[in-house]
Amino acid sequence: MNPNYPDAVAVPGAPPIAGLVFRHFRGPDDYPEMVRIANEITVANGYEWNTTVEEMTDDYKPDERFDPAHDLLLAEVDGAPIGYWRVIWWAVENGPLIYSMSHNLHPAWRGQGIGRAMLNWQENRARAIAGHDTSRPQHLQGYATEGNRYLAGLLEANDYQASRYFQMRVRPTLDDIPDFPLPAGLEVRPVRPEHYRAIWDADIDAFHDHWGVSEPEEEDYRRWLEHKVWFQPDLWQVAWDTATGQIAGQVRTYIDHAENEYFGRRRGYTEFISVRRPYRRRGLARALIALSLRAQRDAGMTESALNVDADSLTGATRIYEECGFQVEQTGTVYRKAL
């Protein structure tokens, strides 16, 4: 045993690179280097997204679907971190169990066999977890943006099949925002703390018929209330039915100020767009998006972005095009039966 690495892990198939060690997660002190690796990967892939230590701390909290002590592995060469890999699972509503594999190898170390060995480790870890429920189909899942041909190639070479496509869309200006009126009988109200639970529940209800959705836990609601970036209720646009007092639809706008500073831009996000089934096909989504764009402009932003399922059954891509959002990058969900 290497005395400097009492937590070292033997990874079958790992290449014989001098100084290469795989080890367990040691706690929050690992986050700064993990964040550095993640952000350098996204830049190399041509994708303008970044994360912070605070956000990663939120995202990597342990729960029943993710145990960082066992489901997260890091790699170092001569003591310098070069990558990290995570496995997390969830149950698709009325569908399979998904074992999602986050693959984060620094671009400088691609093509040397490390990624293939770590994919094997992730698959084996998923199989070890999978014994908790054998009553439904189970799938391994990976995700690669179009700029990450390394990861897409790795998954494709190991029998993963493209299952779904997602788009990152950007509205490059907040000039000429269209005027889409709210449907009759609906109004947008300022969001108050007593509305939070109803807003959460309405969003869950609206997404029941979307691809890959899973039923959230109560812990997910608590985390949502505490999220450092997404939870900006002053910017949200929530439409209420004046006759029933029910929420009809929403856009939970947010601004990632740290990301804007990192990339030197002023971008808001028109995200978490949902319309409950009884209120669809009436122009509500367009109206709420227009209000969201105005809120972003009033907050000093000059552009907006969103992510969308390219195969959405609700016609979301057409709506976003009509609201001025253009495709900037496409990502692919890959799956393989466990």
C-alpha atoms as a PDB file:
ATOM      1  CA  MET A   1       0.000   0.000   0.000  1.00  0.00           C
ATOM      2  CA  ASN A   2       1.222   3.493  -0.854  1.00  0.00           C
ATOM      3  CA  PRO A   3       1.536   5.302   2.513  1.00  0.00           C
ATOM      4  CA  ASN A   4       0.568   8.551   0.791  1.00  0.00           C
ATOM      5  CA  TYR A   5      -2.669   6.961  -0.450  1.00  0.00           C
ATOM      6  CA  PRO A   6      -4.264   4.761   2.211  1.00  0.00           C
ATOM      7  CA  ASP A   7      -7.545   5.353   0.338  1.00  0.00           C
ATOM      8  CA  ALA A   8      -6.170   4.195  -3.041  1.00  0.00           C
ATOM      9  CA  VAL A   9      -8.455   2.063  -5.212  1.00  0.00           C
ATOM     10  CA  ALA A  10      -7.299  -0.576  -7.662  1.00  0.00           C
ATOM     11  CA  VAL A  11      -8.964   0.010 -11.032  1.00  0.00           C
ATOM     12  CA  PRO A  12      -8.730  -2.989 -13.385  1.00  0.00           C
ATOM     13  CA  GLY A  13      -7.473  -2.050 -16.830  1.00  0.00           C
ATOM     14  CA  ALA A  14      -5.891   1.220 -15.716  1.00  0.00           C
ATOM     15  CA  PRO A  15      -2.932   2.199 -17.939  1.00  0.00           C
ATOM     16  CA  PRO A  16       0.601   1.964 -16.479  1.00  0.00           C
ATOM     17  CA  ILE A  17       1.154   5.715 -16.198  1.00  0.00           C
ATOM     18  CA  ALA A  18       3.841   6.695 -13.698  1.00  0.00           C
ATOM     19  CA  GLY A  19       2.346   8.376 -10.645  1.00  0.00           C
ATOM     20  CA  LEU A  20      -1.284   7.579 -11.574  1.00  0.00           C
ATOM     21  CA  VAL A  21      -3.417   6.813  -8.525  1.00  0.00           C
ATOM     22  CA  PHE A  22      -7.163   6.385  -8.117  1.00  0.00           C
ATOM     23  CA  ARG A  23      -8.588   7.228  -4.718  1.00  0.00           C
ATOM     24  CA  HIS A  24     -11.793   7.753  -2.798  1.00  0.00           C
ATOM     25  CA  PHE A  25     -13.379  11.140  -2.194  1.00  0.00           C
ATOM     26  CA  ARG A  26     -11.900  12.803   0.912  1.00  0.00           C
ATOM     27  CA  GLY A  27     -14.534  15.445   1.540  1.00  0.00           C
ATOM     28  CA  PRO A  28     -15.112  19.125   0.767  1.00  0.00           C
ATOM     29  CA  ASP A  29     -11.382  19.807   0.442  1.00  0.00           C
ATOM     30  CA  ASP A  30     -11.554  17.999  -2.905  1.00  0.00           C
ATOM     31  CA  TYR A  31     -14.144  20.372  -4.348  1.00  0.00           C
ATOM     32  CA  PRO A  32     -11.842  23.226  -5.496  1.00  0.00           C
ATOM     33  CA  GLU A  33      -9.815  20.912  -7.727  1.00  0.00           C
ATOM     34  CA  MET A  34     -12.936  19.133  -8.981  1.00  0.00           C
ATOM     35  CA  VAL A  35     -14.417  22.522  -9.902  1.00  0.00           C
ATOM     36  CA  ARG A  36     -11.216  23.501 -11.719  1.00  0.00           C
ATOM     37  CA  ILE A  37     -11.283  20.285 -13.738  1.00  0.00           C
ATOM     38  CA  ALA A  38     -14.989  20.652 -14.584  1.00  0.00           C
ATOM     39  CA  ASN A  39     -14.586  24.241 -15.768  1.00  0.00           C
ATOM     40  CA  GLU A  40     -11.494  23.497 -17.857  1.00  0.00           C
ATOM     41  CA  ILE A  41     -13.324  20.598 -19.501  1.00  0.00           C
ATOM     42  CA  THR A  42     -16.272  22.791 -20.513  1.00  0.00           C
ATOM     43  CA  VAL A  43     -13.965  25.430 -22.010  1.00  0.00           C
ATOM     44  CA  ALA A  44     -12.097  22.745 -23.976  1.00  0.00           C
ATOM     45  CA  ASN A  45     -15.410  21.414 -25.270  1.00  0.00           C
ATOM     46  CA  GLY A  46     -16.515  24.876 -26.423  1.00  0.00           C
ATOM     47  CA  TYR A  47     -19.381  25.000 -23.953  1.00  0.00           C
ATOM     48  CA  GLU A  48     -19.893  28.236 -21.993  1.00  0.00           C
ATOM     49  CA  TRP A  49     -20.942  26.843 -18.638  1.00  0.00           C
ATOM     50  CA  ASN A  50     -19.145  26.748 -15.337  1.00  0.00           C
ATOM     51  CA  THR A  51     -19.700  25.697 -11.763  1.00  0.00           C
ATOM     52  CA  THR A  52     -18.505  26.895  -8.363  1.00  0.00           C
ATOM     53  CA  VAL A  53     -17.474  25.200  -5.137  1.00  0.00           C
ATOM     54  CA  GLU A  54     -20.742  26.310  -3.577  1.00  0.00           C
ATOM     55  CA  GLU A  55     -22.797  24.760  -6.380  1.00  0.00           C
ATOM     56  CA  MET A  56     -20.819  21.538  -6.345  1.00  0.00           C
ATOM     57  CA  THR A  57     -21.277  21.294  -2.594  1.00  0.00           C
ATOM     58  CA  ASP A  58     -25.039  21.430  -3.174  1.00  0.00           C
ATOM     59  CA  ASP A  59     -24.990  18.957  -6.051  1.00  0.00           C
ATOM     60  CA  TYR A  60     -22.794  16.363  -4.341  1.00  0.00           C
ATOM     61  CA  LYS A  61     -24.575  16.106  -1.015  1.00  0.00           C
ATOM     62  CA  PRO A  62     -25.140  12.474  -0.036  1.00  0.00           C
ATOM     63  CA  ASP A  63     -28.609  10.948  -0.163  1.00  0.00           C
ATOM     64  CA  GLU A  64     -30.187   7.555  -0.801  1.00  0.00           C
ATOM     65  CA  ARG A  65     -29.234   7.752  -4.508  1.00  0.00           C
ATOM     66  CA  PHE A  66     -25.639   8.902  -4.104  1.00  0.00           C
ATOM     67  CA  ASP A  67     -23.001   8.029  -1.505  1.00  0.00           C
ATOM     68  CA  PRO A  68     -19.825  10.033  -2.229  1.00  0.00           C
ATOM     69  CA  ALA A  69     -17.753   7.664  -0.100  1.00  0.00           C
ATOM     70  CA  HIS A  70     -18.428   4.847  -2.580  1.00  0.00           C
ATOM     71  CA  ASP A  71     -19.957   6.369  -5.731  1.00  0.00           C
ATOM     72  CA  LEU A  72     -17.259   8.961  -6.461  1.00  0.00           C
ATOM     73  CA  LEU A  73     -13.662   8.282  -7.487  1.00  0.00           C
ATOM     74  CA  LEU A  74     -10.815  10.686  -8.212  1.00  0.00           C
ATOM     75  CA  ALA A  75      -7.569  10.254 -10.165  1.00  0.00           C
ATOM     76  CA  GLU A  76      -4.249  11.953  -9.491  1.00  0.00           C
ATOM     77  CA  VAL A  77      -0.878  11.933 -11.208  1.00  0.00           C
ATOM     78  CA  ASP A  78       2.035  12.761  -8.914  1.00  0.00           C
ATOM     79  CA  GLY A  79      -0.439  14.226  -6.427  1.00  0.00           C
ATOM     80  CA  ALA A  80      -2.219  16.508  -8.935  1.00  0.00           C
ATOM     81  CA  PRO A  81      -5.927  15.731  -9.572  1.00  0.00           C
ATOM     82  CA  ILE A  82      -6.709  15.003 -13.239  1.00  0.00           C
ATOM     83  CA  GLY A  83     -10.265  13.676 -13.135  1.00  0.00           C
ATOM     84  CA  TYR A  84     -13.268  12.477 -11.166  1.00  0.00           C
ATOM     85  CA  TRP A  85     -16.159  10.116 -11.867  1.00  0.00           C
ATOM     86  CA  ARG A  86     -19.578   9.773 -10.233  1.00  0.00           C
ATOM     87  CA  VAL A  87     -22.429   7.275 -10.349  1.00  0.00           C
ATOM     88  CA  ILE A  88     -25.916   8.324  -9.233  1.00  0.00           C
ATOM     89  CA  TRP A  89     -29.224   6.533  -9.767  1.00  0.00           C
ATOM     90  CA  TRP A  90     -32.900   7.446  -9.969  1.00  0.00           C
ATOM     91  CA  ALA A  91     -36.166   5.841 -10.990  1.00  0.00           C
ATOM     92  CA  VAL A  92     -37.987   7.126 -14.075  1.00  0.00           C
ATOM     93  CA  GLU A  93     -41.683   7.506 -13.391  1.00  0.00           C
ATOM     94  CA  ASN A  94     -43.376   4.374 -14.773  1.00  0.00           C
ATOM     95  CA  GLY A  95     -40.069   3.463 -16.415  1.00  0.00           C
ATOM     96  CA  PRO A  96     -36.585   2.074 -15.860  1.00  0.00           C
ATOM     97  CA  LEU A  97     -33.981   2.666 -13.187  1.00  0.00           C
ATOM     98  CA  ILE A  98     -31.222   4.934 -14.500  1.00  0.00           C
ATOM     99  CA  TYR A  99     -27.607   4.714 -13.364  1.00  0.00           C
ATOM    100  CA  SER A 100     -26.118   7.975 -14.558  1.00  0.00           C
ATOM    101  CA  MET A 101     -22.362   8.247 -14.974  1.00  0.00           C
ATOM    102  CA  SER A 102     -20.658  11.619 -14.820  1.00  0.00           C
ATOM    103  CA  HIS A 103     -17.299  11.415 -16.588  1.00  0.00           C
ATOM    104  CA  ASN A 104     -14.809  14.220 -15.914  1.00  0.00           C
ATOM    105  CA  LEU A 105     -11.311  13.538 -17.251  1.00  0.00           C
ATOM    106  CA  HIS A 106      -9.119  16.562 -17.919  1.00  0.00           C
ATOM    107  CA  PRO A 107      -8.534  17.019 -21.671  1.00  0.00           C
ATOM    108  CA  ALA A 108      -4.753  16.793 -21.209  1.00  0.00           C
ATOM    109  CA  TRP A 109      -5.143  13.133 -20.178  1.00  0.00           C
ATOM    110  CA  ARG A 110      -7.568  11.910 -22.826  1.00  0.00           C
ATOM    111  CA  GLY A 111      -6.627   9.114 -25.188  1.00  0.00           C
ATOM    112  CA  GLN A 112      -4.331   7.270 -22.751  1.00  0.00           C
ATOM    113  CA  GLY A 113      -6.696   4.579 -21.493  1.00  0.00           C
ATOM    114  CA  ILE A 114      -7.777   6.284 -18.272  1.00  0.00           C
ATOM    115  CA  GLY A 115     -11.295   7.023 -19.490  1.00  0.00           C
ATOM    116  CA  ARG A 116     -11.914   3.452 -20.635  1.00  0.00           C
ATOM    117  CA  ALA A 117     -10.771   2.058 -17.276  1.00  0.00           C
ATOM    118  CA  MET A 118     -12.971   4.503 -15.403  1.00  0.00           C
ATOM    119  CA  LEU A 119     -15.993   3.705 -17.549  1.00  0.00           C
ATOM    120  CA  ASN A 120     -15.477   0.069 -16.529  1.00  0.00           C
ATOM    121  CA  TRP A 121     -15.300   1.139 -12.879  1.00  0.00           C
ATOM    122  CA  GLN A 122     -18.520   3.127 -13.215  1.00  0.00           C
ATOM    123  CA  GLU A 123     -20.346   0.237 -14.862  1.00  0.00           C
ATOM    124  CA  ASN A 124     -19.194  -2.149 -12.152  1.00  0.00           C
ATOM    125  CA  ARG A 125     -20.228   0.300  -9.462  1.00  0.00           C
ATOM    126  CA  ALA A 126     -23.665   0.648 -11.063  1.00  0.00           C
ATOM    127  CA  ARG A 127     -24.034  -3.147 -11.095  1.00  0.00           C
ATOM    128  CA  ALA A 128     -23.168  -3.276  -7.413  1.00  0.00           C
ATOM    129  CA  ILE A 129     -25.826  -0.673  -6.619  1.00  0.00           C
ATOM    130  CA  ALA A 130     -28.400  -2.261  -8.922  1.00  0.00           C
ATOM    131  CA  GLY A 131     -29.170  -5.108  -6.536  1.00  0.00           C
ATOM    132  CA  HIS A 132     -31.442  -2.802  -4.548  1.00  0.00           C
ATOM    133  CA  ASP A 133     -34.282  -3.200  -7.087  1.00  0.00           C
ATOM    134  CA  THR A 134     -34.610  -5.864  -9.771  1.00  0.00           C
ATOM    135  CA  SER A 135     -38.311  -5.329 -10.482  1.00  0.00           C
ATOM    136  CA  ARG A 136     -37.900  -3.038 -13.508  1.00  0.00           C
ATOM    137  CA  PRO A 137     -35.507  -2.513 -16.457  1.00  0.00           C
ATOM    138  CA  GLN A 138     -32.180  -0.856 -15.648  1.00  0.00           C
ATOM    139  CA  HIS A 139     -30.019   1.312 -17.871  1.00  0.00           C
ATOM    140  CA  LEU A 140     -26.569   2.847 -17.734  1.00  0.00           C
ATOM    141  CA  GLN A 141     -26.610   6.457 -18.919  1.00  0.00           C
ATOM    142  CA  GLY A 142     -24.024   8.973 -20.085  1.00  0.00           C
ATOM    143  CA  TYR A 143     -24.278  12.456 -21.575  1.00  0.00           C
ATOM    144  CA  ALA A 144     -22.004  14.265 -24.022  1.00  0.00           C
ATOM    145  CA  THR A 145     -22.288  17.727 -25.533  1.00  0.00           C
ATOM    146  CA  GLU A 146     -21.540  17.997 -29.241  1.00  0.00           C
ATOM    147  CA  GLY A 147     -18.184  19.576 -28.444  1.00  0.00           C
ATOM    148  CA  ASN A 148     -17.118  16.585 -26.352  1.00  0.00           C
ATOM    149  CA  ARG A 149     -16.354  14.085 -29.114  1.00  0.00           C
ATOM    150  CA  TYR A 150     -13.960  12.323 -26.743  1.00  0.00           C
ATOM    151  CA  LEU A 151     -16.751  11.250 -24.400  1.00  0.00           C
ATOM    152  CA  ALA A 152     -19.239  10.570 -27.202  1.00  0.00           C
ATOM    153  CA  GLY A 153     -16.671   8.340 -28.903  1.00  0.00           C
ATOM    154  CA  LEU A 154     -15.907   6.511 -25.674  1.00  0.00           C
ATOM    155  CA  LEU A 155     -19.569   5.744 -25.053  1.00  0.00           C
ATOM    156  CA  GLU A 156     -20.267   4.748 -28.652  1.00  0.00           C
ATOM    157  CA  ALA A 157     -17.237   2.436 -28.696  1.00  0.00           C
ATOM    158  CA  ASN A 158     -18.649   0.652 -25.656  1.00  0.00           C
ATOM    159  CA  ASP A 159     -22.089  -0.068 -27.109  1.00  0.00           C
ATOM    160  CA  TYR A 160     -23.988   2.934 -25.757  1.00  0.00           C
ATOM    161  CA  GLN A 161     -26.755   4.124 -28.064  1.00  0.00           C
ATOM    162  CA  ALA A 162     -27.975   7.703 -28.568  1.00  0.00           C
ATOM    163  CA  SER A 163     -31.383   7.849 -26.867  1.00  0.00           C
ATOM    164  CA  ARG A 164     -32.347  11.507 -26.713  1.00  0.00           C
ATOM    165  CA  TYR A 165     -31.081  14.904 -27.814  1.00  0.00           C
ATOM    166  CA  PHE A 166     -31.135  18.161 -25.889  1.00  0.00           C
ATOM    167  CA  GLN A 167     -30.439  21.681 -27.099  1.00  0.00           C
ATOM    168  CA  MET A 168     -28.798  24.671 -25.502  1.00  0.00           C
ATOM    169  CA  ARG A 169     -30.562  27.690 -27.036  1.00  0.00           C
ATOM    170  CA  VAL A 170     -29.551  31.341 -26.746  1.00  0.00           C
ATOM    171  CA  ARG A 171     -31.411  34.555 -27.470  1.00  0.00           C
ATOM    172  CA  PRO A 172     -28.428  36.806 -28.290  1.00  0.00           C
ATOM    173  CA  THR A 173     -30.254  40.063 -27.573  1.00  0.00           C
ATOM    174  CA  LEU A 174     -32.989  41.274 -25.281  1.00  0.00           C
ATOM    175  CA  ASP A 175     -34.108  43.897 -27.775  1.00  0.00           C
ATOM    176  CA  ASP A 176     -37.406  43.519 -29.624  1.00  0.00           C
ATOM    177  CA  ILE A 177     -39.009  41.249 -27.049  1.00  0.00           C
ATOM    178  CA  PRO A 178     -42.354  40.084 -28.487  1.00  0.00           C
ATOM    179  CA  ASP A 179     -45.599  41.072 -26.836  1.00  0.00           C
ATOM    180  CA  PHE A 180     -47.494  37.858 -26.132  1.00  0.00           C
ATOM    181  CA  PRO A 181     -50.535  38.548 -23.930  1.00  0.00           C
ATOM    182  CA  LEU A 182     -51.628  36.255 -21.125  1.00  0.00           C
ATOM    183  CA  PRO A 183     -54.670  34.098 -21.915  1.00  0.00           C
ATOM    184  CA  ALA A 184     -57.966  35.323 -20.488  1.00  0.00           C
ATOM    185  CA  GLY A 185     -58.616  34.385 -16.884  1.00  0.00           C
ATOM    186  CA  LEU A 186     -54.939  34.170 -15.907  1.00  0.00           C
ATOM    187  CA  GLU A 187     -52.731  36.647 -14.071  1.00  0.00           C
ATOM    188  CA  VAL A 188     -49.126  36.817 -12.924  1.00  0.00           C
ATOM    189  CA  ARG A 189     -48.645  37.560  -9.246  1.00  0.00           C
ATOM    190  CA  PRO A 190     -45.553  38.425  -7.198  1.00  0.00           C
ATOM    191  CA  VAL A 191     -44.098  35.264  -5.655  1.00  0.00           C
ATOM    192  CA  ARG A 192     -44.386  35.047  -1.873  1.00  0.00           C
ATOM    193  CA  PRO A 193     -42.964  32.404   0.505  1.00  0.00           C
ATOM    194  CA  GLU A 194     -46.415  30.938   1.069  1.00  0.00           C
ATOM    195  CA  HIS A 195     -46.502  30.152  -2.681  1.00  0.00           C
ATOM    196  CA  TYR A 196     -43.297  28.095  -2.781  1.00  0.00           C
ATOM    197  CA  ARG A 197     -44.845  24.707  -2.190  1.00  0.00           C
ATOM    198  CA  ALA A 198     -47.653  25.283  -4.681  1.00  0.00           C
ATOM    199  CA  ILE A 199     -45.129  26.395  -7.314  1.00  0.00           C
ATOM    200  CA  TRP A 200     -43.038  23.271  -6.728  1.00  0.00           C
ATOM    201  CA  ASP A 201     -46.064  20.961  -6.875  1.00  0.00           C
ATOM    202  CA  ALA A 202     -47.436  22.610 -10.034  1.00  0.00           C
ATOM    203  CA  ASP A 203     -44.123  22.131 -11.823  1.00  0.00           C
ATOM    204  CA  ILE A 204     -43.997  18.459 -10.826  1.00  0.00           C
ATOM    205  CA  ASP A 205     -47.568  18.004 -12.071  1.00  0.00           C
ATOM    206  CA  ALA A 206     -46.748  19.633 -15.423  1.00  0.00           C
ATOM    207  CA  PHE A 207     -43.761  17.356 -16.054  1.00  0.00           C
ATOM    208  CA  HIS A 208     -45.435  14.006 -15.422  1.00  0.00           C
ATOM    209  CA  ASP A 209     -45.665  13.338 -19.176  1.00  0.00           C
ATOM    210  CA  HIS A 210     -42.123  14.416 -20.060  1.00  0.00           C
ATOM    211  CA  TRP A 211     -39.307  12.065 -21.063  1.00  0.00           C
ATOM    212  CA  GLY A 212     -37.122  10.662 -18.290  1.00  0.00           C
ATOM    213  CA  VAL A 213     -38.930  12.390 -15.423  1.00  0.00           C
ATOM    214  CA  SER A 214     -38.639  10.928 -11.925  1.00  0.00           C
ATOM    215  CA  GLU A 215     -40.816  11.484  -8.886  1.00  0.00           C
ATOM    216  CA  PRO A 216     -38.925  13.854  -6.556  1.00  0.00           C
ATOM    217  CA  GLU A 217     -38.308  13.187  -2.885  1.00  0.00           C
ATOM    218  CA  GLU A 218     -39.099  15.601  -0.079  1.00  0.00           C
ATOM    219  CA  GLU A 219     -35.350  16.182   0.213  1.00  0.00           C
ATOM    220  CA  ASP A 220     -35.373  17.495  -3.367  1.00  0.00           C
ATOM    221  CA  TYR A 221     -37.860  20.168  -2.347  1.00  0.00           C
ATOM    222  CA  ARG A 222     -35.673  21.236   0.570  1.00  0.00           C
ATOM    223  CA  ARG A 223     -32.625  21.450  -1.680  1.00  0.00           C
ATOM    224  CA  TRP A 224     -34.566  23.516  -4.184  1.00  0.00           C
ATOM    225  CA  LEU A 225     -35.445  26.042  -1.478  1.00  0.00           C
ATOM    226  CA  GLU A 226     -31.748  26.326  -0.598  1.00  0.00           C
ATOM    227  CA  HIS A 227     -30.246  26.343  -4.090  1.00  0.00           C
ATOM    228  CA  LYS A 228     -27.767  29.199  -4.377  1.00  0.00           C
ATOM    229  CA  VAL A 229     -28.400  29.994  -8.054  1.00  0.00           C
ATOM    230  CA  TRP A 230     -31.772  28.685  -9.208  1.00  0.00           C
ATOM    231  CA  PHE A 231     -33.840  30.010  -6.337  1.00  0.00           C
ATOM    232  CA  GLN A 232     -34.461  33.655  -7.327  1.00  0.00           C
ATOM    233  CA  PRO A 233     -38.221  34.129  -6.828  1.00  0.00           C
ATOM    234  CA  ASP A 234     -38.079  37.881  -7.492  1.00  0.00           C
ATOM    235  CA  LEU A 235     -37.456  37.007 -11.157  1.00  0.00           C
ATOM    236  CA  TRP A 236     -40.017  34.221 -11.515  1.00  0.00           C
ATOM    237  CA  GLN A 237     -43.113  34.550 -13.669  1.00  0.00           C
ATOM    238  CA  VAL A 238     -45.977  32.473 -12.254  1.00  0.00           C
ATOM    239  CA  ALA A 239     -49.459  32.526 -13.791  1.00  0.00           C
ATOM    240  CA  TRP A 240     -52.527  31.846 -11.645  1.00  0.00           C
ATOM    241  CA  ASP A 241     -56.056  30.937 -12.674  1.00  0.00           C
ATOM    242  CA  THR A 242     -58.165  33.736 -11.181  1.00  0.00           C
ATOM    243  CA  ALA A 243     -61.267  31.533 -10.997  1.00  0.00           C
ATOM    244  CA  THR A 244     -59.772  28.476  -9.280  1.00  0.00           C
ATOM    245  CA  GLY A 245     -56.705  29.873  -7.530  1.00  0.00           C
ATOM    246  CA  GLN A 246     -54.576  27.175  -9.197  1.00  0.00           C
ATOM    247  CA  ILE A 247     -51.170  27.728 -10.772  1.00  0.00           C
ATOM    248  CA  ALA A 248     -51.436  27.395 -14.554  1.00  0.00           C
ATOM    249  CA  GLY A 249     -47.799  27.761 -15.584  1.00  0.00           C
ATOM    250  CA  GLN A 250     -44.442  29.206 -14.663  1.00  0.00           C
ATOM    251  CA  VAL A 251     -40.989  30.289 -15.771  1.00  0.00           C
ATOM    252  CA  ARG A 252     -38.446  30.251 -12.949  1.00  0.00           C
ATOM    253  CA  THR A 253     -35.968  32.776 -14.290  1.00  0.00           C
ATOM    254  CA  TYR A 254     -32.508  33.075 -12.754  1.00  0.00           C
ATOM    255  CA  ILE A 255     -29.187  34.846 -13.274  1.00  0.00           C
ATOM    256  CA  ASP A 256     -25.883  33.092 -12.579  1.00  0.00           C
ATOM    257  CA  HIS A 257     -23.733  36.056 -11.615  1.00  0.00           C
ATOM    258  CA  ALA A 258     -20.585  33.993 -11.002  1.00  0.00           C
ATOM    259  CA  GLU A 259     -20.863  32.407 -14.441  1.00  0.00           C
ATOM    260  CA  ASN A 260     -21.414  35.811 -16.054  1.00  0.00           C
ATOM    261  CA  GLU A 261     -18.294  37.155 -14.388  1.00  0.00           C
ATOM    262  CA  TYR A 262     -16.319  34.095 -15.504  1.00  0.00           C
ATOM    263  CA  PHE A 263     -17.284  34.554 -19.159  1.00  0.00           C
ATOM    264  CA  GLY A 264     -17.541  38.347 -19.173  1.00  0.00           C
ATOM    265  CA  ARG A 265     -21.163  38.498 -20.276  1.00  0.00           C
ATOM    266  CA  ARG A 266     -24.647  39.448 -19.026  1.00  0.00           C
ATOM    267  CA  ARG A 267     -26.805  36.374 -19.540  1.00  0.00           C
ATOM    268  CA  GLY A 268     -30.003  35.377 -17.798  1.00  0.00           C
ATOM    269  CA  TYR A 269     -31.689  31.993 -17.937  1.00  0.00           C
ATOM    270  CA  THR A 270     -35.265  31.468 -19.080  1.00  0.00           C
ATOM    271  CA  GLU A 271     -35.585  28.101 -17.403  1.00  0.00           C
ATOM    272  CA  PHE A 272     -37.904  25.683 -15.591  1.00  0.00           C
ATOM    273  CA  ILE A 273     -40.682  26.442 -18.042  1.00  0.00           C
ATOM    274  CA  SER A 274     -43.839  24.444 -17.416  1.00  0.00           C
ATOM    275  CA  VAL A 275     -47.532  24.681 -18.227  1.00  0.00           C
ATOM    276  CA  ARG A 276     -50.015  22.327 -16.620  1.00  0.00           C
ATOM    277  CA  ARG A 277     -52.009  20.231 -19.052  1.00  0.00           C
ATOM    278  CA  PRO A 278     -55.419  22.041 -18.776  1.00  0.00           C
ATOM    279  CA  TYR A 279     -53.756  25.338 -19.773  1.00  0.00           C
ATOM    280  CA  ARG A 280     -51.708  24.218 -22.776  1.00  0.00           C
ATOM    281  CA  ARG A 281     -52.212  25.341 -26.390  1.00  0.00           C
ATOM    282  CA  ARG A 282     -53.412  28.785 -25.300  1.00  0.00           C
ATOM    283  CA  GLY A 283     -50.208  30.822 -25.629  1.00  0.00           C
ATOM    284  CA  LEU A 284     -49.355  30.816 -21.929  1.00  0.00           C
ATOM    285  CA  ALA A 285     -45.758  29.640 -22.327  1.00  0.00           C
ATOM    286  CA  ARG A 286     -45.010  32.408 -24.859  1.00  0.00           C
ATOM    287  CA  ALA A 287     -46.527  35.052 -22.606  1.00  0.00           C
ATOM    288  CA  LEU A 288     -44.523  33.931 -19.573  1.00  0.00           C
ATOM    289  CA  ILE A 289     -41.305  33.716 -21.590  1.00  0.00           C
ATOM    290  CA  ALA A 290     -41.805  37.284 -22.825  1.00  0.00           C
ATOM    291  CA  LEU A 291     -42.308  38.466 -19.251  1.00  0.00           C
ATOM    292  CA  SER A 292     -39.198  36.557 -18.173  1.00  0.00           C
ATOM    293  CA  LEU A 293     -37.124  38.188 -20.920  1.00  0.00           C
ATOM    294  CA  ARG A 294     -38.285  41.626 -19.796  1.00  0.00           C
ATOM    295  CA  ALA A 295     -37.376  40.820 -16.198  1.00  0.00           C
ATOM    296  CA  GLN A 296     -33.892  39.794 -17.313  1.00  0.00           C
ATOM    297  CA  ARG A 297     -33.507  42.950 -19.380  1.00  0.00           C
ATOM    298  CA  ASP A 298     -34.653  45.086 -16.451  1.00  0.00           C
ATOM    299  CA  ALA A 299     -32.018  43.336 -14.289  1.00  0.00           C
ATOM    300  CA  GLY A 300     -29.304  44.485 -16.699  1.00  0.00           C
ATOM    301  CA  MET A 301     -28.939  41.349 -18.818  1.00  0.00           C
ATOM    302  CA  THR A 302     -28.322  41.517 -22.569  1.00  0.00           C
ATOM    303  CA  GLU A 303     -28.981  37.884 -23.556  1.00  0.00           C
ATOM    304  CA  SER A 304     -30.824  34.804 -22.364  1.00  0.00           C
ATOM    305  CA  ALA A 305     -30.421  31.039 -22.611  1.00  0.00           C
ATOM    306  CA  LEU A 306     -32.377  27.861 -21.957  1.00  0.00           C
ATOM    307  CA  ASN A 307     -32.114  24.097 -22.342  1.00  0.00           C
ATOM    308  CA  VAL A 308     -34.772  22.015 -24.045  1.00  0.00           C
ATOM    309  CA  ASP A 309     -35.554  18.433 -24.972  1.00  0.00           C
ATOM    310  CA  ALA A 310     -35.196  18.477 -28.765  1.00  0.00           C
ATOM    311  CA  ASP A 311     -37.907  15.816 -29.055  1.00  0.00           C
ATOM    312  CA  SER A 312     -40.365  17.506 -26.697  1.00  0.00           C
ATOM    313  CA  LEU A 313     -43.936  16.400 -27.312  1.00  0.00           C
ATOM    314  CA  THR A 314     -45.343  19.750 -26.184  1.00  0.00           C
ATOM    315  CA  GLY A 315     -43.924  21.731 -29.117  1.00  0.00           C
ATOM    316  CA  ALA A 316     -41.387  23.508 -26.913  1.00  0.00           C
ATOM    317  CA  THR A 317     -38.741  23.944 -29.614  1.00  0.00           C
ATOM    318  CA  ARG A 318     -41.199  25.753 -31.898  1.00  0.00           C
ATOM    319  CA  ILE A 319     -42.276  28.047 -29.063  1.00  0.00           C
ATOM    320  CA  TYR A 320     -38.667  28.921 -28.226  1.00  0.00           C
ATOM    321  CA  GLU A 321     -37.890  29.684 -31.864  1.00  0.00           C
ATOM    322  CA  GLU A 322     -40.855  32.054 -31.974  1.00  0.00           C
ATOM    323  CA  CYS A 323     -39.459  33.753 -28.857  1.00  0.00           C
ATOM    324  CA  GLY A 324     -36.079  34.304 -30.538  1.00  0.00           C
ATOM    325  CA  PHE A 325     -33.977  31.460 -29.097  1.00  0.00           C
ATOM    326  CA  GLN A 326     -31.426  29.936 -31.469  1.00  0.00           C
ATOM    327  CA  VAL A 327     -29.691  26.562 -31.136  1.00  0.00           C
ATOM    328  CA  GLU A 328     -26.138  27.015 -29.862  1.00  0.00           C
ATOM    329  CA  GLN A 329     -25.191  23.441 -28.988  1.00  0.00           C
ATOM    330  CA  THR A 330     -26.750  19.991 -28.872  1.00  0.00           C
ATOM    331  CA  GLY A 331     -26.125  17.288 -26.273  1.00  0.00           C
ATOM    332  CA  THR A 332     -26.821  13.561 -26.489  1.00  0.00           C
ATOM    333  CA  VAL A 333     -28.091  11.180 -23.831  1.00  0.00           C
ATOM    334  CA  TYR A 334     -26.583   7.718 -24.315  1.00  0.00           C
ATOM    335  CA  ARG A 335     -27.984   4.545 -22.780  1.00  0.00           C
ATOM    336  CA  LYS A 336     -27.059   0.892 -22.508  1.00  0.00           C
ATOM    337  CA  ALA A 337     -28.928  -1.902 -20.771  1.00  0.00           C
ATOM    338  CA  LEU A 338     -27.298  -2.770 -17.456  1.00  0.00           C
END
